Amino acid sequence: MDTLSALQSLGLELPSPAYIAGAIVFGLVGMAAYWHGKRAQQPRTRWWGVALMFYPYAVSRTWMLFAVGVALCAGLWLDMRRG
């Protein structure tokens, strides 16, 4: 039996290339935010970074990955702009 078809019969599917690219981009933005928050001693910025790094593990749909990622990036941007 083919491994891919065996996984699909169990209800598991491989993520799309767009999902993988989005998870990498948002993870890198989150890592940069975490490092910046750590260096500048800004705990809120660090938490925005942690959220951006780990939320793709809880989201399975590509459109939801991008919607939540853009919302978190907007929150991060507003928080950093506020000071």
PDB file of N, CA and C in Angstrom:
ATOM      1  N   MET A   1       0.843  -1.177   0.000  1.00  0.00           N
ATOM      2  CA  MET A   1       0.000   0.000   0.000  1.00  0.00           C
ATOM      3  C   MET A   1       0.888   1.240   0.000  1.00  0.00           C
ATOM      4  N   ASP A   2       0.515   2.228  -0.740  1.00  0.00           N
ATOM      5  CA  ASP A   2       1.258   3.473  -0.832  1.00  0.00           C
ATOM      6  C   ASP A   2       1.161   4.228   0.502  1.00  0.00           C
ATOM      7  N   THR A   3       2.268   4.792   0.945  1.00  0.00           N
ATOM      8  CA  THR A   3       2.298   5.484   2.229  1.00  0.00           C
ATOM      9  C   THR A   3       1.367   6.686   2.246  1.00  0.00           C
ATOM     10  N   LEU A   4       1.355   7.467   1.169  1.00  0.00           N
ATOM     11  CA  LEU A   4       0.498   8.644   1.105  1.00  0.00           C
ATOM     12  C   LEU A   4      -0.978   8.267   1.176  1.00  0.00           C
ATOM     13  N   SER A   5      -1.363   7.244   0.468  1.00  0.00           N
ATOM     14  CA  SER A   5      -2.772   6.824   0.520  1.00  0.00           C
ATOM     15  C   SER A   5      -3.119   6.233   1.879  1.00  0.00           C
ATOM     16  N   ALA A   6      -2.157   5.603   2.542  1.00  0.00           N
ATOM     17  CA  ALA A   6      -2.401   5.080   3.885  1.00  0.00           C
ATOM     18  C   ALA A   6      -2.629   6.222   4.869  1.00  0.00           C
ATOM     19  N   LEU A   7      -1.839   7.289   4.751  1.00  0.00           N
ATOM     20  CA  LEU A   7      -2.023   8.449   5.618  1.00  0.00           C
ATOM     21  C   LEU A   7      -3.352   9.138   5.345  1.00  0.00           C
ATOM     22  N   GLN A   8      -3.727   9.236   4.075  1.00  0.00           N
ATOM     23  CA  GLN A   8      -4.997   9.868   3.723  1.00  0.00           C
ATOM     24  C   GLN A   8      -6.174   9.034   4.210  1.00  0.00           C
ATOM     25  N   SER A   9      -6.034   7.732   4.232  1.00  0.00           N
ATOM     26  CA  SER A   9      -7.120   6.893   4.745  1.00  0.00           C
ATOM     27  C   SER A   9      -7.287   7.077   6.248  1.00  0.00           C
ATOM     28  N   LEU A  10      -6.240   7.502   6.938  1.00  0.00           N
ATOM     29  CA  LEU A  10      -6.321   7.794   8.370  1.00  0.00           C
ATOM     30  C   LEU A  10      -6.822   9.208   8.645  1.00  0.00           C
ATOM     31  N   GLY A  11      -7.020   9.988   7.582  1.00  0.00           N
ATOM     32  CA  GLY A  11      -7.505  11.359   7.740  1.00  0.00           C
ATOM     33  C   GLY A  11      -6.397  12.385   7.817  1.00  0.00           C
ATOM     34  N   LEU A  12      -5.173  12.008   7.546  1.00  0.00           N
ATOM     35  CA  LEU A  12      -4.045  12.932   7.583  1.00  0.00           C
ATOM     36  C   LEU A  12      -3.699  13.377   6.171  1.00  0.00           C
ATOM     37  N   GLU A  13      -3.466  14.663   6.014  1.00  0.00           N
ATOM     38  CA  GLU A  13      -3.092  15.196   4.709  1.00  0.00           C
ATOM     39  C   GLU A  13      -1.854  16.059   4.844  1.00  0.00           C
ATOM     40  N   LEU A  14      -1.067  16.102   3.790  1.00  0.00           N
ATOM     41  CA  LEU A  14       0.115  16.955   3.782  1.00  0.00           C
ATOM     42  C   LEU A  14      -0.310  18.404   3.548  1.00  0.00           C
ATOM     43  N   PRO A  15       0.363  19.351   4.181  1.00  0.00           N
ATOM     44  CA  PRO A  15      -0.007  20.758   3.961  1.00  0.00           C
ATOM     45  C   PRO A  15       0.401  21.214   2.567  1.00  0.00           C
ATOM     46  N   SER A  16      -0.287  22.243   2.090  1.00  0.00           N
ATOM     47  CA  SER A  16       0.012  22.782   0.767  1.00  0.00           C
ATOM     48  C   SER A  16       1.308  23.594   0.825  1.00  0.00           C
ATOM     49  N   PRO A  17       1.934  23.827  -0.321  1.00  0.00           N
ATOM     50  CA  PRO A  17       3.141  24.657  -0.339  1.00  0.00           C
ATOM     51  C   PRO A  17       2.890  26.075   0.176  1.00  0.00           C
ATOM     52  N   ALA A  18       1.702  26.613  -0.059  1.00  0.00           N
ATOM     53  CA  ALA A  18       1.376  27.950   0.456  1.00  0.00           C
ATOM     54  C   ALA A  18       1.339  27.947   1.974  1.00  0.00           C
ATOM     55  N   TYR A  19       0.811  26.882   2.571  1.00  0.00           N
ATOM     56  CA  TYR A  19       0.764  26.768   4.026  1.00  0.00           C
ATOM     57  C   TYR A  19       2.182  26.703   4.600  1.00  0.00           C
ATOM     58  N   ILE A  20       3.029  25.901   3.985  1.00  0.00           N
ATOM     59  CA  ILE A  20       4.405  25.753   4.464  1.00  0.00           C
ATOM     60  C   ILE A  20       5.148  27.078   4.352  1.00  0.00           C
ATOM     61  N   ALA A  21       4.989  27.772   3.221  1.00  0.00           N
ATOM     62  CA  ALA A  21       5.655  29.064   3.036  1.00  0.00           C
ATOM     63  C   ALA A  21       5.155  30.082   4.058  1.00  0.00           C
ATOM     64  N   GLY A  22       3.845  30.119   4.292  1.00  0.00           N
ATOM     65  CA  GLY A  22       3.288  31.045   5.277  1.00  0.00           C
ATOM     66  C   GLY A  22       3.776  30.753   6.676  1.00  0.00           C
ATOM     67  N   ALA A  23       3.838  29.474   7.033  1.00  0.00           N
ATOM     68  CA  ALA A  23       4.316  29.098   8.368  1.00  0.00           C
ATOM     69  C   ALA A  23       5.775  29.505   8.559  1.00  0.00           C
ATOM     70  N   ILE A  24       6.579  29.364   7.518  1.00  0.00           N
ATOM     71  CA  ILE A  24       7.989  29.759   7.607  1.00  0.00           C
ATOM     72  C   ILE A  24       8.121  31.266   7.733  1.00  0.00           C
ATOM     73  N   VAL A  25       7.392  32.010   6.908  1.00  0.00           N
ATOM     74  CA  VAL A  25       7.478  33.475   6.944  1.00  0.00           C
ATOM     75  C   VAL A  25       7.022  34.015   8.289  1.00  0.00           C
ATOM     76  N   PHE A  26       5.856  33.562   8.766  1.00  0.00           N
ATOM     77  CA  PHE A  26       5.361  34.066  10.043  1.00  0.00           C
ATOM     78  C   PHE A  26       6.244  33.604  11.206  1.00  0.00           C
ATOM     79  N   GLY A  27       6.817  32.423  11.091  1.00  0.00           N
ATOM     80  CA  GLY A  27       7.749  31.957  12.115  1.00  0.00           C
ATOM     81  C   GLY A  27       9.013  32.806  12.174  1.00  0.00           C
ATOM     82  N   LEU A  28       9.517  33.209  11.014  1.00  0.00           N
ATOM     83  CA  LEU A  28      10.702  34.075  10.983  1.00  0.00           C
ATOM     84  C   LEU A  28      10.402  35.463  11.525  1.00  0.00           C
ATOM     85  N   VAL A  29       9.223  35.998  11.189  1.00  0.00           N
ATOM     86  CA  VAL A  29       8.820  37.294  11.745  1.00  0.00           C
ATOM     87  C   VAL A  29       8.699  37.191  13.260  1.00  0.00           C
ATOM     88  N   GLY A  30       8.126  36.096  13.738  1.00  0.00           N
ATOM     89  CA  GLY A  30       8.002  35.880  15.169  1.00  0.00           C
ATOM     90  C   GLY A  30       9.349  35.753  15.859  1.00  0.00           C
ATOM     91  N   MET A  31      10.284  35.075  15.223  1.00  0.00           N
ATOM     92  CA  MET A  31      11.620  34.932  15.804  1.00  0.00           C
ATOM     93  C   MET A  31      12.321  36.283  15.885  1.00  0.00           C
ATOM     94  N   ALA A  32      12.186  37.083  14.841  1.00  0.00           N
ATOM     95  CA  ALA A  32      12.786  38.421  14.855  1.00  0.00           C
ATOM     96  C   ALA A  32      12.147  39.284  15.944  1.00  0.00           C
ATOM     97  N   ALA A  33      10.824  39.200  16.096  1.00  0.00           N
ATOM     98  CA  ALA A  33      10.140  39.970  17.134  1.00  0.00           C
ATOM     99  C   ALA A  33      10.576  39.513  18.517  1.00  0.00           C
ATOM    100  N   TYR A  34      10.722  38.210  18.705  1.00  0.00           N
ATOM    101  CA  TYR A  34      11.166  37.692  20.002  1.00  0.00           C
ATOM    102  C   TYR A  34      12.565  38.203  20.340  1.00  0.00           C
ATOM    103  N   TRP A  35      13.468  38.121  19.366  1.00  0.00           N
ATOM    104  CA  TRP A  35      14.839  38.596  19.613  1.00  0.00           C
ATOM    105  C   TRP A  35      14.867  40.093  19.894  1.00  0.00           C
ATOM    106  N   HIS A  36      14.069  40.855  19.148  1.00  0.00           N
ATOM    107  CA  HIS A  36      14.019  42.299  19.382  1.00  0.00           C
ATOM    108  C   HIS A  36      13.461  42.606  20.769  1.00  0.00           C
ATOM    109  N   GLY A  37      12.393  41.916  21.150  1.00  0.00           N
ATOM    110  CA  GLY A  37      11.804  42.125  22.465  1.00  0.00           C
ATOM    111  C   GLY A  37      12.734  41.732  23.592  1.00  0.00           C
ATOM    112  N   LYS A  38      13.497  40.687  23.373  1.00  0.00           N
ATOM    113  CA  LYS A  38      14.452  40.253  24.398  1.00  0.00           C
ATOM    114  C   LYS A  38      15.582  41.269  24.542  1.00  0.00           C
ATOM    115  N   ARG A  39      16.086  41.742  23.410  1.00  0.00           N
ATOM    116  CA  ARG A  39      17.190  42.702  23.432  1.00  0.00           C
ATOM    117  C   ARG A  39      16.755  44.051  24.007  1.00  0.00           C
ATOM    118  N   ALA A  40      15.531  44.485  23.677  1.00  0.00           N
ATOM    119  CA  ALA A  40      15.023  45.773  24.133  1.00  0.00           C
ATOM    120  C   ALA A  40      14.294  45.668  25.473  1.00  0.00           C
ATOM    121  N   GLN A  41      14.235  44.465  26.053  1.00  0.00           N
ATOM    122  CA  GLN A  41      13.562  44.201  27.318  1.00  0.00           C
ATOM    123  C   GLN A  41      12.103  44.654  27.273  1.00  0.00           C
ATOM    124  N   GLN A  42      11.411  44.202  26.232  1.00  0.00           N
ATOM    125  CA  GLN A  42       9.986  44.490  26.046  1.00  0.00           C
ATOM    126  C   GLN A  42       9.226  43.160  26.050  1.00  0.00           C
ATOM    127  N   PRO A  43       8.639  42.805  27.185  1.00  0.00           N
ATOM    128  CA  PRO A  43       7.986  41.493  27.273  1.00  0.00           C
ATOM    129  C   PRO A  43       6.796  41.320  26.332  1.00  0.00           C
ATOM    130  N   ARG A  44       6.038  42.392  26.065  1.00  0.00           N
ATOM    131  CA  ARG A  44       4.898  42.252  25.145  1.00  0.00           C
ATOM    132  C   ARG A  44       5.357  41.880  23.742  1.00  0.00           C
ATOM    133  N   THR A  45       6.454  42.489  23.295  1.00  0.00           N
ATOM    134  CA  THR A  45       6.984  42.169  21.969  1.00  0.00           C
ATOM    135  C   THR A  45       7.441  40.717  21.919  1.00  0.00           C
ATOM    136  N   ARG A  46       8.049  40.250  23.006  1.00  0.00           N
ATOM    137  CA  ARG A  46       8.454  38.841  23.056  1.00  0.00           C
ATOM    138  C   ARG A  46       7.242  37.918  22.950  1.00  0.00           C
ATOM    139  N   TRP A  47       6.140  38.260  23.622  1.00  0.00           N
ATOM    140  CA  TRP A  47       4.948  37.417  23.562  1.00  0.00           C
ATOM    141  C   TRP A  47       4.308  37.441  22.180  1.00  0.00           C
ATOM    142  N   TRP A  48       4.337  38.591  21.496  1.00  0.00           N
ATOM    143  CA  TRP A  48       3.864  38.629  20.111  1.00  0.00           C
ATOM    144  C   TRP A  48       4.704  37.676  19.256  1.00  0.00           C
ATOM    145  N   GLY A  49       6.025  37.697  19.484  1.00  0.00           N
ATOM    146  CA  GLY A  49       6.909  36.809  18.743  1.00  0.00           C
ATOM    147  C   GLY A  49       6.631  35.342  19.020  1.00  0.00           C
ATOM    148  N   VAL A  50       6.404  34.999  20.270  1.00  0.00           N
ATOM    149  CA  VAL A  50       6.084  33.613  20.622  1.00  0.00           C
ATOM    150  C   VAL A  50       4.778  33.183  19.953  1.00  0.00           C
ATOM    151  N   ALA A  51       3.787  34.065  19.967  1.00  0.00           N
ATOM    152  CA  ALA A  51       2.507  33.745  19.328  1.00  0.00           C
ATOM    153  C   ALA A  51       2.690  33.520  17.829  1.00  0.00           C
ATOM    154  N   LEU A  52       3.491  34.367  17.183  1.00  0.00           N
ATOM    155  CA  LEU A  52       3.715  34.209  15.742  1.00  0.00           C
ATOM    156  C   LEU A  52       4.489  32.932  15.423  1.00  0.00           C
ATOM    157  N   MET A  53       5.385  32.540  16.300  1.00  0.00           N
ATOM    158  CA  MET A  53       6.167  31.335  16.035  1.00  0.00           C
ATOM    159  C   MET A  53       5.350  30.057  16.196  1.00  0.00           C
ATOM    160  N   PHE A  54       4.422  30.037  17.151  1.00  0.00           N
ATOM    161  CA  PHE A  54       3.782  28.770  17.495  1.00  0.00           C
ATOM    162  C   PHE A  54       2.333  28.607  17.050  1.00  0.00           C
ATOM    163  N   TYR A  55       1.673  29.663  16.586  1.00  0.00           N
ATOM    164  CA  TYR A  55       0.275  29.495  16.206  1.00  0.00           C
ATOM    165  C   TYR A  55       0.077  28.593  14.991  1.00  0.00           C
ATOM    166  N   PRO A  56       1.036  28.451  14.052  1.00  0.00           N
ATOM    167  CA  PRO A  56       0.778  27.538  12.932  1.00  0.00           C
ATOM    168  C   PRO A  56       0.557  26.086  13.356  1.00  0.00           C
ATOM    169  N   TYR A  57       0.997  25.715  14.547  1.00  0.00           N
ATOM    170  CA  TYR A  57       0.762  24.354  15.022  1.00  0.00           C
ATOM    171  C   TYR A  57      -0.698  24.137  15.406  1.00  0.00           C
ATOM    172  N   ALA A  58      -1.439  25.206  15.670  1.00  0.00           N
ATOM    173  CA  ALA A  58      -2.829  25.091  16.090  1.00  0.00           C
ATOM    174  C   ALA A  58      -3.815  25.356  14.953  1.00  0.00           C
ATOM    175  N   VAL A  59      -3.332  25.799  13.801  1.00  0.00           N
ATOM    176  CA  VAL A  59      -4.197  26.170  12.677  1.00  0.00           C
ATOM    177  C   VAL A  59      -3.936  25.193  11.532  1.00  0.00           C
ATOM    178  N   SER A  60      -5.017  24.657  10.969  1.00  0.00           N
ATOM    179  CA  SER A  60      -4.826  23.663   9.912  1.00  0.00           C
ATOM    180  C   SER A  60      -5.200  24.158   8.519  1.00  0.00           C
ATOM    181  N   ARG A  61      -5.969  25.210   8.416  1.00  0.00           N
ATOM    182  CA  ARG A  61      -6.392  25.735   7.117  1.00  0.00           C
ATOM    183  C   ARG A  61      -5.448  26.841   6.659  1.00  0.00           C
ATOM    184  N   THR A  62      -5.162  26.867   5.353  1.00  0.00           N
ATOM    185  CA  THR A  62      -4.234  27.859   4.811  1.00  0.00           C
ATOM    186  C   THR A  62      -4.795  29.266   4.941  1.00  0.00           C
ATOM    187  N   TRP A  63      -6.066  29.462   4.631  1.00  0.00           N
ATOM    188  CA  TRP A  63      -6.643  30.809   4.710  1.00  0.00           C
ATOM    189  C   TRP A  63      -6.624  31.302   6.153  1.00  0.00           C
ATOM    190  N   MET A  64      -6.836  30.396   7.109  1.00  0.00           N
ATOM    191  CA  MET A  64      -6.823  30.792   8.514  1.00  0.00           C
ATOM    192  C   MET A  64      -5.401  31.114   8.976  1.00  0.00           C
ATOM    193  N   LEU A  65      -4.425  30.388   8.455  1.00  0.00           N
ATOM    194  CA  LEU A  65      -3.026  30.668   8.779  1.00  0.00           C
ATOM    195  C   LEU A  65      -2.671  32.092   8.387  1.00  0.00           C
ATOM    196  N   PHE A  66      -3.068  32.490   7.174  1.00  0.00           N
ATOM    197  CA  PHE A  66      -2.744  33.836   6.716  1.00  0.00           C
ATOM    198  C   PHE A  66      -3.576  34.898   7.432  1.00  0.00           C
ATOM    199  N   ALA A  67      -4.833  34.616   7.733  1.00  0.00           N
ATOM    200  CA  ALA A  67      -5.675  35.592   8.433  1.00  0.00           C
ATOM    201  C   ALA A  67      -5.150  35.855   9.841  1.00  0.00           C
ATOM    202  N   VAL A  68      -4.850  34.802  10.574  1.00  0.00           N
ATOM    203  CA  VAL A  68      -4.333  34.962  11.935  1.00  0.00           C
ATOM    204  C   VAL A  68      -2.939  35.570  11.900  1.00  0.00           C
ATOM    205  N   GLY A  69      -2.113  35.165  10.941  1.00  0.00           N
ATOM    206  CA  GLY A  69      -0.765  35.712  10.836  1.00  0.00           C
ATOM    207  C   GLY A  69      -0.752  37.197  10.546  1.00  0.00           C
ATOM    208  N   VAL A  70      -1.616  37.640   9.651  1.00  0.00           N
ATOM    209  CA  VAL A  70      -1.700  39.071   9.346  1.00  0.00           C
ATOM    210  C   VAL A  70      -2.221  39.832  10.564  1.00  0.00           C
ATOM    211  N   ALA A  71      -3.199  39.263  11.273  1.00  0.00           N
ATOM    212  CA  ALA A  71      -3.720  39.924  12.473  1.00  0.00           C
ATOM    213  C   ALA A  71      -2.648  40.030  13.559  1.00  0.00           C
ATOM    214  N   LEU A  72      -1.877  38.975  13.760  1.00  0.00           N
ATOM    215  CA  LEU A  72      -0.800  39.020  14.756  1.00  0.00           C
ATOM    216  C   LEU A  72       0.295  40.003  14.348  1.00  0.00           C
ATOM    217  N   CYS A  73       0.622  40.037  13.062  1.00  0.00           N
ATOM    218  CA  CYS A  73       1.629  41.003  12.588  1.00  0.00           C
ATOM    219  C   CYS A  73       1.132  42.435  12.765  1.00  0.00           C
ATOM    220  N   ALA A  74      -0.164  42.663  12.526  1.00  0.00           N
ATOM    221  CA  ALA A  74      -0.721  44.001  12.733  1.00  0.00           C
ATOM    222  C   ALA A  74      -0.668  44.379  14.211  1.00  0.00           C
ATOM    223  N   GLY A  75      -0.989  43.432  15.086  1.00  0.00           N
ATOM    224  CA  GLY A  75      -0.884  43.691  16.519  1.00  0.00           C
ATOM    225  C   GLY A  75       0.536  43.985  16.948  1.00  0.00           C
ATOM    226  N   LEU A  76       1.475  43.238  16.417  1.00  0.00           N
ATOM    227  CA  LEU A  76       2.896  43.458  16.705  1.00  0.00           C
ATOM    228  C   LEU A  76       3.321  44.834  16.231  1.00  0.00           C
ATOM    229  N   TRP A  77       2.907  45.200  15.024  1.00  0.00           N
ATOM    230  CA  TRP A  77       3.286  46.491  14.464  1.00  0.00           C
ATOM    231  C   TRP A  77       2.716  47.649  15.298  1.00  0.00           C
ATOM    232  N   LEU A  78       1.445  47.528  15.679  1.00  0.00           N
ATOM    233  CA  LEU A  78       0.828  48.565  16.502  1.00  0.00           C
ATOM    234  C   LEU A  78       1.485  48.658  17.876  1.00  0.00           C
ATOM    235  N   ASP A  79       1.841  47.518  18.442  1.00  0.00           N
ATOM    236  CA  ASP A  79       2.503  47.513  19.740  1.00  0.00           C
ATOM    237  C   ASP A  79       3.890  48.141  19.660  1.00  0.00           C
ATOM    238  N   MET A  80       4.625  47.835  18.624  1.00  0.00           N
ATOM    239  CA  MET A  80       5.968  48.404  18.470  1.00  0.00           C
ATOM    240  C   MET A  80       5.894  49.896  18.139  1.00  0.00           C
ATOM    241  N   ARG A  81       4.857  50.292  17.423  1.00  0.00           N
ATOM    242  CA  ARG A  81       4.686  51.710  17.078  1.00  0.00           C
ATOM    243  C   ARG A  81       4.332  52.538  18.302  1.00  0.00           C
ATOM    244  N   ARG A  82       3.546  51.913  19.194  1.00  0.00           N
ATOM    245  CA  ARG A  82       3.151  52.589  20.418  1.00  0.00           C
ATOM    246  C   ARG A  82       4.350  52.789  21.348  1.00  0.00           C
ATOM    247  N   GLY A  83       5.304  51.898  21.245  1.00  0.00           N
ATOM    248  CA  GLY A  83       6.513  52.072  22.047  1.00  0.00           C
ATOM    249  C   GLY A  83       6.569  51.095  23.094  1.00  0.00           C
TER     250      GLY A  83
END
